[in-house]
């Protein structure tokens, strides 16, 4: 699992959301809301749980990752409701989405360090 790539992919959601907003597109809010559908989530709940489940950083990473997907799902639902101005505001600094996005990045780095990956 390339954890640097996983961090990058999660940070790219902001760009995907902004693109959907600018094009007035709908996105799959149901899948986005789940923390076990992306590559990182599958790894965290599978191989990483087996290998690193006893590490404090693993459980923290799972929790932060799940929280990120909940917030990302809220943004997606707002976009799908065609509340584009509100959705754009949800992506600004200091919002639950940006806090969750930063937290998952930090949690992945802590897991990477503690697991020596």
PDB file of N, CA and C in Angstrom:
ATOM      1  N   UNK A   1       0.840  -1.185   0.000  1.00  0.00           N
ATOM      2  CA  UNK A   1       0.000   0.000   0.000  1.00  0.00           C
ATOM      3  C   UNK A   1       0.884   1.247   0.000  1.00  0.00           C
ATOM      4  N   UNK A   2       0.678   2.087  -0.968  1.00  0.00           N
ATOM      5  CA  UNK A   2       1.415   3.345  -1.056  1.00  0.00           C
ATOM      6  C   UNK A   2       0.646   4.410  -0.263  1.00  0.00           C
ATOM      7  N   UNK A   3       1.081   4.639   0.964  1.00  0.00           N
ATOM      8  CA  UNK A   3       0.344   5.550   1.840  1.00  0.00           C
ATOM      9  C   UNK A   3       0.462   7.005   1.411  1.00  0.00           C
ATOM     10  N   UNK A   4       1.563   7.370   0.798  1.00  0.00           N
ATOM     11  CA  UNK A   4       1.679   8.742   0.280  1.00  0.00           C
ATOM     12  C   UNK A   4       0.653   8.970  -0.824  1.00  0.00           C
ATOM     13  N   UNK A   5       0.482   7.970  -1.677  1.00  0.00           N
ATOM     14  CA  UNK A   5      -0.510   8.046  -2.743  1.00  0.00           C
ATOM     15  C   UNK A   5      -1.922   8.098  -2.158  1.00  0.00           C
ATOM     16  N   UNK A   6      -2.150   7.346  -1.089  1.00  0.00           N
ATOM     17  CA  UNK A   6      -3.465   7.353  -0.445  1.00  0.00           C
ATOM     18  C   UNK A   6      -3.804   8.734   0.097  1.00  0.00           C
ATOM     19  N   UNK A   7      -2.821   9.393   0.702  1.00  0.00           N
ATOM     20  CA  UNK A   7      -3.033  10.758   1.200  1.00  0.00           C
ATOM     21  C   UNK A   7      -3.366  11.685   0.036  1.00  0.00           C
ATOM     22  N   UNK A   8      -2.622  11.544  -1.043  1.00  0.00           N
ATOM     23  CA  UNK A   8      -2.848  12.379  -2.226  1.00  0.00           C
ATOM     24  C   UNK A   8      -4.247  12.171  -2.790  1.00  0.00           C
ATOM     25  N   UNK A   9      -4.674  10.910  -2.894  1.00  0.00           N
ATOM     26  CA  UNK A   9      -6.002  10.617  -3.433  1.00  0.00           C
ATOM     27  C   UNK A   9      -7.107  11.227  -2.571  1.00  0.00           C
ATOM     28  N   UNK A  10      -6.927  11.219  -1.256  1.00  0.00           N
ATOM     29  CA  UNK A  10      -7.941  11.804  -0.397  1.00  0.00           C
ATOM     30  C   UNK A  10      -7.944  13.326  -0.486  1.00  0.00           C
ATOM     31  N   UNK A  11      -6.790  13.916  -0.690  1.00  0.00           N
ATOM     32  CA  UNK A  11      -6.755  15.373  -0.839  1.00  0.00           C
ATOM     33  C   UNK A  11      -7.345  15.803  -2.192  1.00  0.00           C
ATOM     34  N   UNK A  12      -7.337  14.901  -3.170  1.00  0.00           N
ATOM     35  CA  UNK A  12      -7.898  15.212  -4.493  1.00  0.00           C
ATOM     36  C   UNK A  12      -9.420  15.334  -4.472  1.00  0.00           C
ATOM     37  N   UNK A  13     -10.070  14.863  -3.408  1.00  0.00           N
ATOM     38  CA  UNK A  13     -11.527  14.967  -3.340  1.00  0.00           C
ATOM     39  C   UNK A  13     -11.989  16.411  -3.416  1.00  0.00           C
ATOM     40  N   UNK A  14     -11.230  17.319  -2.836  1.00  0.00           N
ATOM     41  CA  UNK A  14     -11.618  18.728  -2.889  1.00  0.00           C
ATOM     42  C   UNK A  14     -11.711  19.198  -4.342  1.00  0.00           C
ATOM     43  N   UNK A  15     -10.752  18.768  -5.168  1.00  0.00           N
ATOM     44  CA  UNK A  15     -10.770  19.132  -6.587  1.00  0.00           C
ATOM     45  C   UNK A  15     -11.952  18.480  -7.300  1.00  0.00           C
ATOM     46  N   UNK A  16     -12.226  17.222  -6.961  1.00  0.00           N
ATOM     47  CA  UNK A  16     -13.370  16.527  -7.577  1.00  0.00           C
ATOM     48  C   UNK A  16     -14.674  17.212  -7.201  1.00  0.00           C
ATOM     49  N   UNK A  17     -14.786  17.617  -5.930  1.00  0.00           N
ATOM     50  CA  UNK A  17     -16.001  18.310  -5.499  1.00  0.00           C
ATOM     51  C   UNK A  17     -16.144  19.648  -6.216  1.00  0.00           C
ATOM     52  N   UNK A  18     -15.053  20.387  -6.315  1.00  0.00           N
ATOM     53  CA  UNK A  18     -15.118  21.700  -6.990  1.00  0.00           C
ATOM     54  C   UNK A  18     -15.476  21.535  -8.469  1.00  0.00           C
ATOM     55  N   UNK A  19     -14.968  20.483  -9.083  1.00  0.00           N
ATOM     56  CA  UNK A  19     -15.306  20.206 -10.476  1.00  0.00           C
ATOM     57  C   UNK A  19     -16.794  19.890 -10.609  1.00  0.00           C
ATOM     58  N   UNK A  20     -17.314  19.063  -9.718  1.00  0.00           N
ATOM     59  CA  UNK A  20     -18.741  18.723  -9.751  1.00  0.00           C
ATOM     60  C   UNK A  20     -19.601  19.966  -9.533  1.00  0.00           C
ATOM     61  N   UNK A  21     -19.156  20.835  -8.637  1.00  0.00           N
ATOM     62  CA  UNK A  21     -19.885  22.075  -8.388  1.00  0.00           C
ATOM     63  C   UNK A  21     -19.895  22.945  -9.646  1.00  0.00           C
ATOM     64  N   UNK A  22     -18.735  23.125 -10.260  1.00  0.00           N
ATOM     65  CA  UNK A  22     -18.646  24.014 -11.424  1.00  0.00           C
ATOM     66  C   UNK A  22     -19.405  23.461 -12.629  1.00  0.00           C
ATOM     67  N   UNK A  23     -19.519  22.137 -12.717  1.00  0.00           N
ATOM     68  CA  UNK A  23     -20.222  21.518 -13.846  1.00  0.00           C
ATOM     69  C   UNK A  23     -21.659  21.138 -13.499  1.00  0.00           C
ATOM     70  N   UNK A  24     -22.077  21.442 -12.273  1.00  0.00           N
ATOM     71  CA  UNK A  24     -23.417  21.079 -11.785  1.00  0.00           C
ATOM     72  C   UNK A  24     -23.700  19.588 -11.953  1.00  0.00           C
ATOM     73  N   UNK A  25     -22.711  18.769 -11.615  1.00  0.00           N
ATOM     74  CA  UNK A  25     -22.834  17.319 -11.742  1.00  0.00           C
ATOM     75  C   UNK A  25     -23.247  16.694 -10.414  1.00  0.00           C
ATOM     76  N   UNK A  26     -23.811  15.505 -10.497  1.00  0.00           N
ATOM     77  CA  UNK A  26     -24.064  14.737  -9.280  1.00  0.00           C
ATOM     78  C   UNK A  26     -22.930  13.733  -9.102  1.00  0.00           C
ATOM     79  N   UNK A  27     -22.728  13.310  -7.852  1.00  0.00           N
ATOM     80  CA  UNK A  27     -21.680  12.337  -7.554  1.00  0.00           C
ATOM     81  C   UNK A  27     -22.236  11.278  -6.611  1.00  0.00           C
ATOM     82  N   UNK A  28     -21.524  10.188  -6.493  1.00  0.00           N
ATOM     83  CA  UNK A  28     -21.989   9.034  -5.723  1.00  0.00           C
ATOM     84  C   UNK A  28     -21.765   9.257  -4.223  1.00  0.00           C
ATOM     85  N   UNK A  29     -22.695   9.942  -3.599  1.00  0.00           N
ATOM     86  CA  UNK A  29     -22.569  10.286  -2.181  1.00  0.00           C
ATOM     87  C   UNK A  29     -22.586   9.044  -1.298  1.00  0.00           C
ATOM     88  N   UNK A  30     -23.335   8.040  -1.687  1.00  0.00           N
ATOM     89  CA  UNK A  30     -23.432   6.825  -0.878  1.00  0.00           C
ATOM     90  C   UNK A  30     -22.078   6.138  -0.746  1.00  0.00           C
ATOM     91  N   UNK A  31     -21.387   5.965  -1.856  1.00  0.00           N
ATOM     92  CA  UNK A  31     -20.073   5.315  -1.829  1.00  0.00           C
ATOM     93  C   UNK A  31     -19.042   6.200  -1.143  1.00  0.00           C
ATOM     94  N   UNK A  32     -19.074   7.483  -1.416  1.00  0.00           N
ATOM     95  CA  UNK A  32     -18.117   8.419  -0.824  1.00  0.00           C
ATOM     96  C   UNK A  32     -18.236   8.411   0.701  1.00  0.00           C
ATOM     97  N   UNK A  33     -19.441   8.227   1.214  1.00  0.00           N
ATOM     98  CA  UNK A  33     -19.690   8.240   2.662  1.00  0.00           C
ATOM     99  C   UNK A  33     -19.124   7.029   3.387  1.00  0.00           C
ATOM    100  N   UNK A  34     -18.812   5.974   2.650  1.00  0.00           N
ATOM    101  CA  UNK A  34     -18.328   4.735   3.267  1.00  0.00           C
ATOM    102  C   UNK A  34     -16.801   4.722   3.314  1.00  0.00           C
ATOM    103  N   UNK A  35     -16.259   4.309   4.443  1.00  0.00           N
ATOM    104  CA  UNK A  35     -14.803   4.317   4.609  1.00  0.00           C
ATOM    105  C   UNK A  35     -14.134   3.032   4.143  1.00  0.00           C
ATOM    106  N   UNK A  36     -14.897   2.096   3.611  1.00  0.00           N
ATOM    107  CA  UNK A  36     -14.299   0.830   3.181  1.00  0.00           C
ATOM    108  C   UNK A  36     -14.415   0.599   1.680  1.00  0.00           C
ATOM    109  N   UNK A  37     -14.661   1.655   0.925  1.00  0.00           N
ATOM    110  CA  UNK A  37     -14.805   1.514  -0.531  1.00  0.00           C
ATOM    111  C   UNK A  37     -13.572   1.972  -1.299  1.00  0.00           C
ATOM    112  N   UNK A  38     -12.794   2.875  -0.722  1.00  0.00           N
ATOM    113  CA  UNK A  38     -11.586   3.343  -1.398  1.00  0.00           C
ATOM    114  C   UNK A  38     -10.431   2.377  -1.099  1.00  0.00           C
ATOM    115  N   UNK A  39      -9.355   2.540  -1.829  1.00  0.00           N
ATOM    116  CA  UNK A  39      -8.197   1.660  -1.669  1.00  0.00           C
ATOM    117  C   UNK A  39      -7.648   1.689  -0.246  1.00  0.00           C
ATOM    118  N   UNK A  40      -7.540   2.883   0.336  1.00  0.00           N
ATOM    119  CA  UNK A  40      -7.033   2.999   1.707  1.00  0.00           C
ATOM    120  C   UNK A  40      -7.954   2.292   2.687  1.00  0.00           C
ATOM    121  N   UNK A  41      -9.242   2.500   2.545  1.00  0.00           N
ATOM    122  CA  UNK A  41     -10.207   1.879   3.442  1.00  0.00           C
ATOM    123  C   UNK A  41     -10.176   0.365   3.367  1.00  0.00           C
ATOM    124  N   UNK A  42     -10.089  -0.156   2.162  1.00  0.00           N
ATOM    125  CA  UNK A  42     -10.003  -1.616   1.997  1.00  0.00           C
ATOM    126  C   UNK A  42      -8.748  -2.151   2.686  1.00  0.00           C
ATOM    127  N   UNK A  43      -7.653  -1.426   2.542  1.00  0.00           N
ATOM    128  CA  UNK A  43      -6.394  -1.835   3.164  1.00  0.00           C
ATOM    129  C   UNK A  43      -6.488  -1.746   4.691  1.00  0.00           C
ATOM    130  N   UNK A  44      -7.030  -0.628   5.201  1.00  0.00           N
ATOM    131  CA  UNK A  44      -7.136  -0.439   6.647  1.00  0.00           C
ATOM    132  C   UNK A  44      -7.992  -1.525   7.303  1.00  0.00           C
ATOM    133  N   UNK A  45      -9.073  -1.894   6.636  1.00  0.00           N
ATOM    134  CA  UNK A  45      -9.993  -2.896   7.186  1.00  0.00           C
ATOM    135  C   UNK A  45      -9.569  -4.329   6.885  1.00  0.00           C
ATOM    136  N   UNK A  46      -8.598  -4.493   6.009  1.00  0.00           N
ATOM    137  CA  UNK A  46      -8.142  -5.826   5.625  1.00  0.00           C
ATOM    138  C   UNK A  46      -6.726  -6.105   6.086  1.00  0.00           C
ATOM    139  N   UNK A  47      -5.798  -6.021   5.152  1.00  0.00           N
ATOM    140  CA  UNK A  47      -4.393  -6.346   5.409  1.00  0.00           C
ATOM    141  C   UNK A  47      -3.806  -5.568   6.585  1.00  0.00           C
ATOM    142  N   UNK A  48      -4.072  -4.266   6.655  1.00  0.00           N
ATOM    143  CA  UNK A  48      -3.503  -3.448   7.738  1.00  0.00           C
ATOM    144  C   UNK A  48      -4.064  -3.853   9.092  1.00  0.00           C
ATOM    145  N   UNK A  49      -5.329  -4.252   9.128  1.00  0.00           N
ATOM    146  CA  UNK A  49      -5.927  -4.680  10.398  1.00  0.00           C
ATOM    147  C   UNK A  49      -5.220  -5.930  10.912  1.00  0.00           C
ATOM    148  N   UNK A  50      -4.918  -6.841   9.992  1.00  0.00           N
ATOM    149  CA  UNK A  50      -4.230  -8.072  10.367  1.00  0.00           C
ATOM    150  C   UNK A  50      -2.806  -7.772  10.841  1.00  0.00           C
ATOM    151  N   UNK A  51      -2.086  -6.953  10.068  1.00  0.00           N
ATOM    152  CA  UNK A  51      -0.673  -6.694  10.366  1.00  0.00           C
ATOM    153  C   UNK A  51      -0.451  -5.662  11.465  1.00  0.00           C
ATOM    154  N   UNK A  52      -1.291  -4.627  11.493  1.00  0.00           N
ATOM    155  CA  UNK A  52      -1.024  -3.478  12.357  1.00  0.00           C
ATOM    156  C   UNK A  52      -2.175  -3.140  13.306  1.00  0.00           C
ATOM    157  N   UNK A  53      -3.165  -4.009  13.389  1.00  0.00           N
ATOM    158  CA  UNK A  53      -4.355  -3.740  14.195  1.00  0.00           C
ATOM    159  C   UNK A  53      -4.080  -3.494  15.664  1.00  0.00           C
ATOM    160  N   UNK A  54      -2.959  -3.987  16.161  1.00  0.00           N
ATOM    161  CA  UNK A  54      -2.625  -3.787  17.573  1.00  0.00           C
ATOM    162  C   UNK A  54      -1.964  -2.430  17.833  1.00  0.00           C
ATOM    163  N   UNK A  55      -1.591  -1.728  16.800  1.00  0.00           N
ATOM    164  CA  UNK A  55      -0.942  -0.419  16.966  1.00  0.00           C
ATOM    165  C   UNK A  55      -1.985   0.670  17.248  1.00  0.00           C
ATOM    166  N   UNK A  56      -1.720   1.535  18.196  1.00  0.00           N
ATOM    167  CA  UNK A  56      -2.657   2.641  18.457  1.00  0.00           C
ATOM    168  C   UNK A  56      -2.911   3.498  17.214  1.00  0.00           C
ATOM    169  N   UNK A  57      -1.893   3.665  16.401  1.00  0.00           N
ATOM    170  CA  UNK A  57      -2.049   4.512  15.213  1.00  0.00           C
ATOM    171  C   UNK A  57      -2.993   3.889  14.186  1.00  0.00           C
ATOM    172  N   UNK A  58      -3.146   2.558  14.206  1.00  0.00           N
ATOM    173  CA  UNK A  58      -4.070   1.920  13.262  1.00  0.00           C
ATOM    174  C   UNK A  58      -5.508   2.277  13.610  1.00  0.00           C
ATOM    175  N   UNK A  59      -5.888   2.105  14.871  1.00  0.00           N
ATOM    176  CA  UNK A  59      -7.275   2.413  15.249  1.00  0.00           C
ATOM    177  C   UNK A  59      -7.562   3.903  15.077  1.00  0.00           C
ATOM    178  N   UNK A  60      -6.589   4.737  15.368  1.00  0.00           N
ATOM    179  CA  UNK A  60      -6.766   6.179  15.167  1.00  0.00           C
ATOM    180  C   UNK A  60      -6.944   6.499  13.687  1.00  0.00           C
ATOM    181  N   UNK A  61      -6.171   5.837  12.851  1.00  0.00           N
ATOM    182  CA  UNK A  61      -6.255   6.063  11.411  1.00  0.00           C
ATOM    183  C   UNK A  61      -7.613   5.617  10.873  1.00  0.00           C
ATOM    184  N   UNK A  62      -8.100   4.466  11.328  1.00  0.00           N
ATOM    185  CA  UNK A  62      -9.416   3.978  10.908  1.00  0.00           C
ATOM    186  C   UNK A  62     -10.490   4.993  11.291  1.00  0.00           C
ATOM    187  N   UNK A  63     -10.421   5.502  12.520  1.00  0.00           N
ATOM    188  CA  UNK A  63     -11.415   6.470  12.993  1.00  0.00           C
ATOM    189  C   UNK A  63     -11.364   7.778  12.200  1.00  0.00           C
ATOM    190  N   UNK A  64     -10.161   8.297  11.982  1.00  0.00           N
ATOM    191  CA  UNK A  64     -10.013   9.557  11.238  1.00  0.00           C
ATOM    192  C   UNK A  64     -10.431   9.383   9.780  1.00  0.00           C
ATOM    193  N   UNK A  65     -10.132   8.230   9.212  1.00  0.00           N
ATOM    194  CA  UNK A  65     -10.508   7.941   7.830  1.00  0.00           C
ATOM    195  C   UNK A  65     -12.033   7.870   7.708  1.00  0.00           C
ATOM    196  N   UNK A  66     -12.669   7.210   8.657  1.00  0.00           N
ATOM    197  CA  UNK A  66     -14.135   7.125   8.643  1.00  0.00           C
ATOM    198  C   UNK A  66     -14.753   8.512   8.782  1.00  0.00           C
ATOM    199  N   UNK A  67     -14.200   9.328   9.673  1.00  0.00           N
ATOM    200  CA  UNK A  67     -14.710  10.692   9.870  1.00  0.00           C
ATOM    201  C   UNK A  67     -14.569  11.514   8.594  1.00  0.00           C
ATOM    202  N   UNK A  68     -13.452  11.333   7.888  1.00  0.00           N
ATOM    203  CA  UNK A  68     -13.262  12.040   6.615  1.00  0.00           C
ATOM    204  C   UNK A  68     -14.356  11.663   5.627  1.00  0.00           C
ATOM    205  N   UNK A  69     -14.630  10.367   5.506  1.00  0.00           N
ATOM    206  CA  UNK A  69     -15.630   9.929   4.529  1.00  0.00           C
ATOM    207  C   UNK A  69     -17.036  10.409   4.897  1.00  0.00           C
ATOM    208  N   UNK A  70     -17.318  10.519   6.182  1.00  0.00           N
ATOM    209  CA  UNK A  70     -18.613  11.068   6.600  1.00  0.00           C
ATOM    210  C   UNK A  70     -18.729  12.521   6.143  1.00  0.00           C
ATOM    211  N   UNK A  71     -17.689  13.310   6.379  1.00  0.00           N
ATOM    212  CA  UNK A  71     -17.707  14.717   5.966  1.00  0.00           C
ATOM    213  C   UNK A  71     -17.733  14.855   4.442  1.00  0.00           C
ATOM    214  N   UNK A  72     -16.961  14.014   3.751  1.00  0.00           N
ATOM    215  CA  UNK A  72     -16.963  14.046   2.284  1.00  0.00           C
ATOM    216  C   UNK A  72     -18.353  13.684   1.756  1.00  0.00           C
ATOM    217  N   UNK A  73     -19.001  12.735   2.410  1.00  0.00           N
ATOM    218  CA  UNK A  73     -20.362  12.361   2.013  1.00  0.00           C
ATOM    219  C   UNK A  73     -21.340  13.512   2.178  1.00  0.00           C
ATOM    220  N   UNK A  74     -21.162  14.300   3.222  1.00  0.00           N
ATOM    221  CA  UNK A  74     -22.031  15.462   3.443  1.00  0.00           C
ATOM    222  C   UNK A  74     -21.848  16.481   2.323  1.00  0.00           C
ATOM    223  N   UNK A  75     -20.603  16.685   1.912  1.00  0.00           N
ATOM    224  CA  UNK A  75     -20.337  17.611   0.801  1.00  0.00           C
ATOM    225  C   UNK A  75     -21.000  17.071  -0.472  1.00  0.00           C
ATOM    226  N   UNK A  76     -20.831  15.779  -0.719  1.00  0.00           N
ATOM    227  CA  UNK A  76     -21.419  15.166  -1.915  1.00  0.00           C
ATOM    228  C   UNK A  76     -22.940  15.291  -1.904  1.00  0.00           C
ATOM    229  N   UNK A  77     -23.553  15.061  -0.763  1.00  0.00           N
ATOM    230  CA  UNK A  77     -25.012  15.184  -0.665  1.00  0.00           C
ATOM    231  C   UNK A  77     -25.466  16.616  -0.926  1.00  0.00           C
ATOM    232  N   UNK A  78     -24.688  17.572  -0.455  1.00  0.00           N
ATOM    233  CA  UNK A  78     -25.024  18.977  -0.672  1.00  0.00           C
ATOM    234  C   UNK A  78     -24.902  19.329  -2.151  1.00  0.00           C
ATOM    235  N   UNK A  79     -23.888  18.800  -2.804  1.00  0.00           N
ATOM    236  CA  UNK A  79     -23.726  19.003  -4.249  1.00  0.00           C
ATOM    237  C   UNK A  79     -24.915  18.389  -4.983  1.00  0.00           C
ATOM    238  N   UNK A  80     -25.269  17.165  -4.610  1.00  0.00           N
ATOM    239  CA  UNK A  80     -26.379  16.480  -5.282  1.00  0.00           C
ATOM    240  C   UNK A  80     -27.714  17.181  -5.048  1.00  0.00           C
ATOM    241  N   UNK A  81     -27.828  17.913  -3.937  1.00  0.00           N
ATOM    242  CA  UNK A  81     -29.032  18.701  -3.661  1.00  0.00           C
ATOM    243  C   UNK A  81     -29.019  20.024  -4.434  1.00  0.00           C
ATOM    244  N   UNK A  82     -27.966  20.200  -5.216  1.00  0.00           N
ATOM    245  CA  UNK A  82     -27.781  21.384  -6.064  1.00  0.00           C
ATOM    246  C   UNK A  82     -27.620  22.663  -5.229  1.00  0.00           C
ATOM    247  N   UNK A  83     -27.114  22.504  -4.017  1.00  0.00           N
ATOM    248  CA  UNK A  83     -26.803  23.638  -3.140  1.00  0.00           C
ATOM    249  C   UNK A  83     -25.317  23.940  -3.321  1.00  0.00           C
ATOM    250  N   UNK A  84     -24.984  24.447  -4.496  1.00  0.00           N
ATOM    251  CA  UNK A  84     -23.582  24.579  -4.893  1.00  0.00           C
ATOM    252  C   UNK A  84     -22.821  25.611  -4.061  1.00  0.00           C
ATOM    253  N   UNK A  85     -23.440  26.726  -3.734  1.00  0.00           N
ATOM    254  CA  UNK A  85     -22.770  27.750  -2.926  1.00  0.00           C
ATOM    255  C   UNK A  85     -22.465  27.186  -1.539  1.00  0.00           C
ATOM    256  N   UNK A  86     -23.438  26.470  -0.965  1.00  0.00           N
ATOM    257  CA  UNK A  86     -23.246  25.859   0.349  1.00  0.00           C
ATOM    258  C   UNK A  86     -22.149  24.791   0.293  1.00  0.00           C
ATOM    259  N   UNK A  87     -22.157  23.990  -0.767  1.00  0.00           N
ATOM    260  CA  UNK A  87     -21.139  22.937  -0.922  1.00  0.00           C
ATOM    261  C   UNK A  87     -19.747  23.549  -1.048  1.00  0.00           C
ATOM    262  N   UNK A  88     -19.638  24.611  -1.816  1.00  0.00           N
ATOM    263  CA  UNK A  88     -18.348  25.293  -1.974  1.00  0.00           C
ATOM    264  C   UNK A  88     -17.857  25.802  -0.619  1.00  0.00           C
ATOM    265  N   UNK A  89     -18.763  26.361   0.170  1.00  0.00           N
ATOM    266  CA  UNK A  89     -18.396  26.882   1.489  1.00  0.00           C
ATOM    267  C   UNK A  89     -17.924  25.761   2.412  1.00  0.00           C
ATOM    268  N   UNK A  90     -18.452  24.561   2.229  1.00  0.00           N
ATOM    269  CA  UNK A  90     -18.067  23.411   3.059  1.00  0.00           C
ATOM    270  C   UNK A  90     -16.610  23.004   2.826  1.00  0.00           C
ATOM    271  N   UNK A  91     -16.034  23.448   1.704  1.00  0.00           N
ATOM    272  CA  UNK A  91     -14.658  23.091   1.348  1.00  0.00           C
ATOM    273  C   UNK A  91     -13.644  24.110   1.839  1.00  0.00           C
ATOM    274  N   UNK A  92     -14.123  25.215   2.407  1.00  0.00           N
ATOM    275  CA  UNK A  92     -13.233  26.288   2.867  1.00  0.00           C
ATOM    276  C   UNK A  92     -12.460  25.882   4.113  1.00  0.00           C
ATOM    277  N   UNK A  93     -11.394  26.608   4.376  1.00  0.00           N
ATOM    278  CA  UNK A  93     -10.586  26.379   5.578  1.00  0.00           C
ATOM    279  C   UNK A  93     -11.444  26.557   6.822  1.00  0.00           C
ATOM    280  N   UNK A  94     -11.145  25.752   7.830  1.00  0.00           N
ATOM    281  CA  UNK A  94     -11.844  25.869   9.095  1.00  0.00           C
ATOM    282  C   UNK A  94     -13.178  25.144   9.161  1.00  0.00           C
ATOM    283  N   UNK A  95     -13.495  24.370   8.142  1.00  0.00           N
ATOM    284  CA  UNK A  95     -14.755  23.627   8.124  1.00  0.00           C
ATOM    285  C   UNK A  95     -14.529  22.194   8.614  1.00  0.00           C
ATOM    286  N   UNK A  96     -15.601  21.502   8.993  1.00  0.00           N
ATOM    287  CA  UNK A  96     -15.441  20.100   9.394  1.00  0.00           C
ATOM    288  C   UNK A  96     -14.778  19.245   8.298  1.00  0.00           C
ATOM    289  N   UNK A  97     -15.083  19.534   7.029  1.00  0.00           N
ATOM    290  CA  UNK A  97     -14.476  18.770   5.936  1.00  0.00           C
ATOM    291  C   UNK A  97     -12.963  18.965   5.905  1.00  0.00           C
ATOM    292  N   UNK A  98     -12.505  20.206   5.959  1.00  0.00           N
ATOM    293  CA  UNK A  98     -11.059  20.433   5.873  1.00  0.00           C
ATOM    294  C   UNK A  98     -10.345  19.921   7.119  1.00  0.00           C
ATOM    295  N   UNK A  99     -11.002  20.009   8.272  1.00  0.00           N
ATOM    296  CA  UNK A  99     -10.408  19.461   9.498  1.00  0.00           C
ATOM    297  C   UNK A  99     -10.270  17.945   9.382  1.00  0.00           C
ATOM    298  N   UNK A 100     -11.307  17.290   8.877  1.00  0.00           N
ATOM    299  CA  UNK A 100     -11.267  15.834   8.714  1.00  0.00           C
ATOM    300  C   UNK A 100     -10.235  15.428   7.668  1.00  0.00           C
ATOM    301  N   UNK A 101     -10.113  16.218   6.613  1.00  0.00           N
ATOM    302  CA  UNK A 101      -9.142  15.937   5.563  1.00  0.00           C
ATOM    303  C   UNK A 101      -7.717  16.021   6.106  1.00  0.00           C
ATOM    304  N   UNK A 102      -7.439  17.073   6.861  1.00  0.00           N
ATOM    305  CA  UNK A 102      -6.113  17.213   7.461  1.00  0.00           C
ATOM    306  C   UNK A 102      -5.844  16.097   8.465  1.00  0.00           C
ATOM    307  N   UNK A 103      -6.845  15.773   9.271  1.00  0.00           N
ATOM    308  CA  UNK A 103      -6.687  14.754  10.309  1.00  0.00           C
ATOM    309  C   UNK A 103      -6.383  13.383   9.722  1.00  0.00           C
ATOM    310  N   UNK A 104      -7.004  13.045   8.609  1.00  0.00           N
ATOM    311  CA  UNK A 104      -6.738  11.729   8.016  1.00  0.00           C
ATOM    312  C   UNK A 104      -5.318  11.686   7.463  1.00  0.00           C
ATOM    313  N   UNK A 105      -4.856  12.778   6.899  1.00  0.00           N
ATOM    314  CA  UNK A 105      -3.482  12.821   6.403  1.00  0.00           C
ATOM    315  C   UNK A 105      -2.476  12.625   7.516  1.00  0.00           C
ATOM    316  N   UNK A 106      -2.681  13.310   8.631  1.00  0.00           N
ATOM    317  CA  UNK A 106      -1.808  13.181   9.796  1.00  0.00           C
ATOM    318  C   UNK A 106      -1.865  11.750  10.342  1.00  0.00           C
ATOM    319  N   UNK A 107      -3.066  11.194  10.423  1.00  0.00           N
ATOM    320  CA  UNK A 107      -3.232   9.831  10.956  1.00  0.00           C
ATOM    321  C   UNK A 107      -2.530   8.790  10.081  1.00  0.00           C
ATOM    322  N   UNK A 108      -2.607   8.958   8.785  1.00  0.00           N
ATOM    323  CA  UNK A 108      -1.923   8.025   7.873  1.00  0.00           C
ATOM    324  C   UNK A 108      -0.413   8.122   8.071  1.00  0.00           C
ATOM    325  N   UNK A 109       0.096   9.340   8.197  1.00  0.00           N
ATOM    326  CA  UNK A 109       1.536   9.510   8.411  1.00  0.00           C
ATOM    327  C   UNK A 109       1.984   8.895   9.732  1.00  0.00           C
ATOM    328  N   UNK A 110       1.167   9.018  10.778  1.00  0.00           N
ATOM    329  CA  UNK A 110       1.500   8.410  12.066  1.00  0.00           C
ATOM    330  C   UNK A 110       1.521   6.884  11.952  1.00  0.00           C
ATOM    331  N   UNK A 111       0.538   6.331  11.250  1.00  0.00           N
ATOM    332  CA  UNK A 111       0.510   4.883  11.046  1.00  0.00           C
ATOM    333  C   UNK A 111       1.730   4.437  10.243  1.00  0.00           C
ATOM    334  N   UNK A 112       2.052   5.202   9.214  1.00  0.00           N
ATOM    335  CA  UNK A 112       3.203   4.873   8.375  1.00  0.00           C
ATOM    336  C   UNK A 112       4.474   4.838   9.219  1.00  0.00           C
ATOM    337  N   UNK A 113       4.628   5.798  10.117  1.00  0.00           N
ATOM    338  CA  UNK A 113       5.805   5.874  10.966  1.00  0.00           C
ATOM    339  C   UNK A 113       5.826   4.724  11.982  1.00  0.00           C
ATOM    340  N   UNK A 114       4.701   4.534  12.667  1.00  0.00           N
ATOM    341  CA  UNK A 114       4.650   3.507  13.709  1.00  0.00           C
ATOM    342  C   UNK A 114       4.780   2.094  13.130  1.00  0.00           C
ATOM    343  N   UNK A 115       4.227   1.877  11.944  1.00  0.00           N
ATOM    344  CA  UNK A 115       4.296   0.554  11.303  1.00  0.00           C
ATOM    345  C   UNK A 115       5.593   0.375  10.513  1.00  0.00           C
ATOM    346  N   UNK A 116       6.369   1.445  10.441  1.00  0.00           N
ATOM    347  CA  UNK A 116       7.649   1.440   9.700  1.00  0.00           C
ATOM    348  C   UNK A 116       7.438   1.049   8.232  1.00  0.00           C
ATOM    349  N   UNK A 117       6.493   1.741   7.606  1.00  0.00           N
ATOM    350  CA  UNK A 117       6.187   1.463   6.195  1.00  0.00           C
ATOM    351  C   UNK A 117       6.864   2.478   5.286  1.00  0.00           C
TER     352      UNK A 117
END
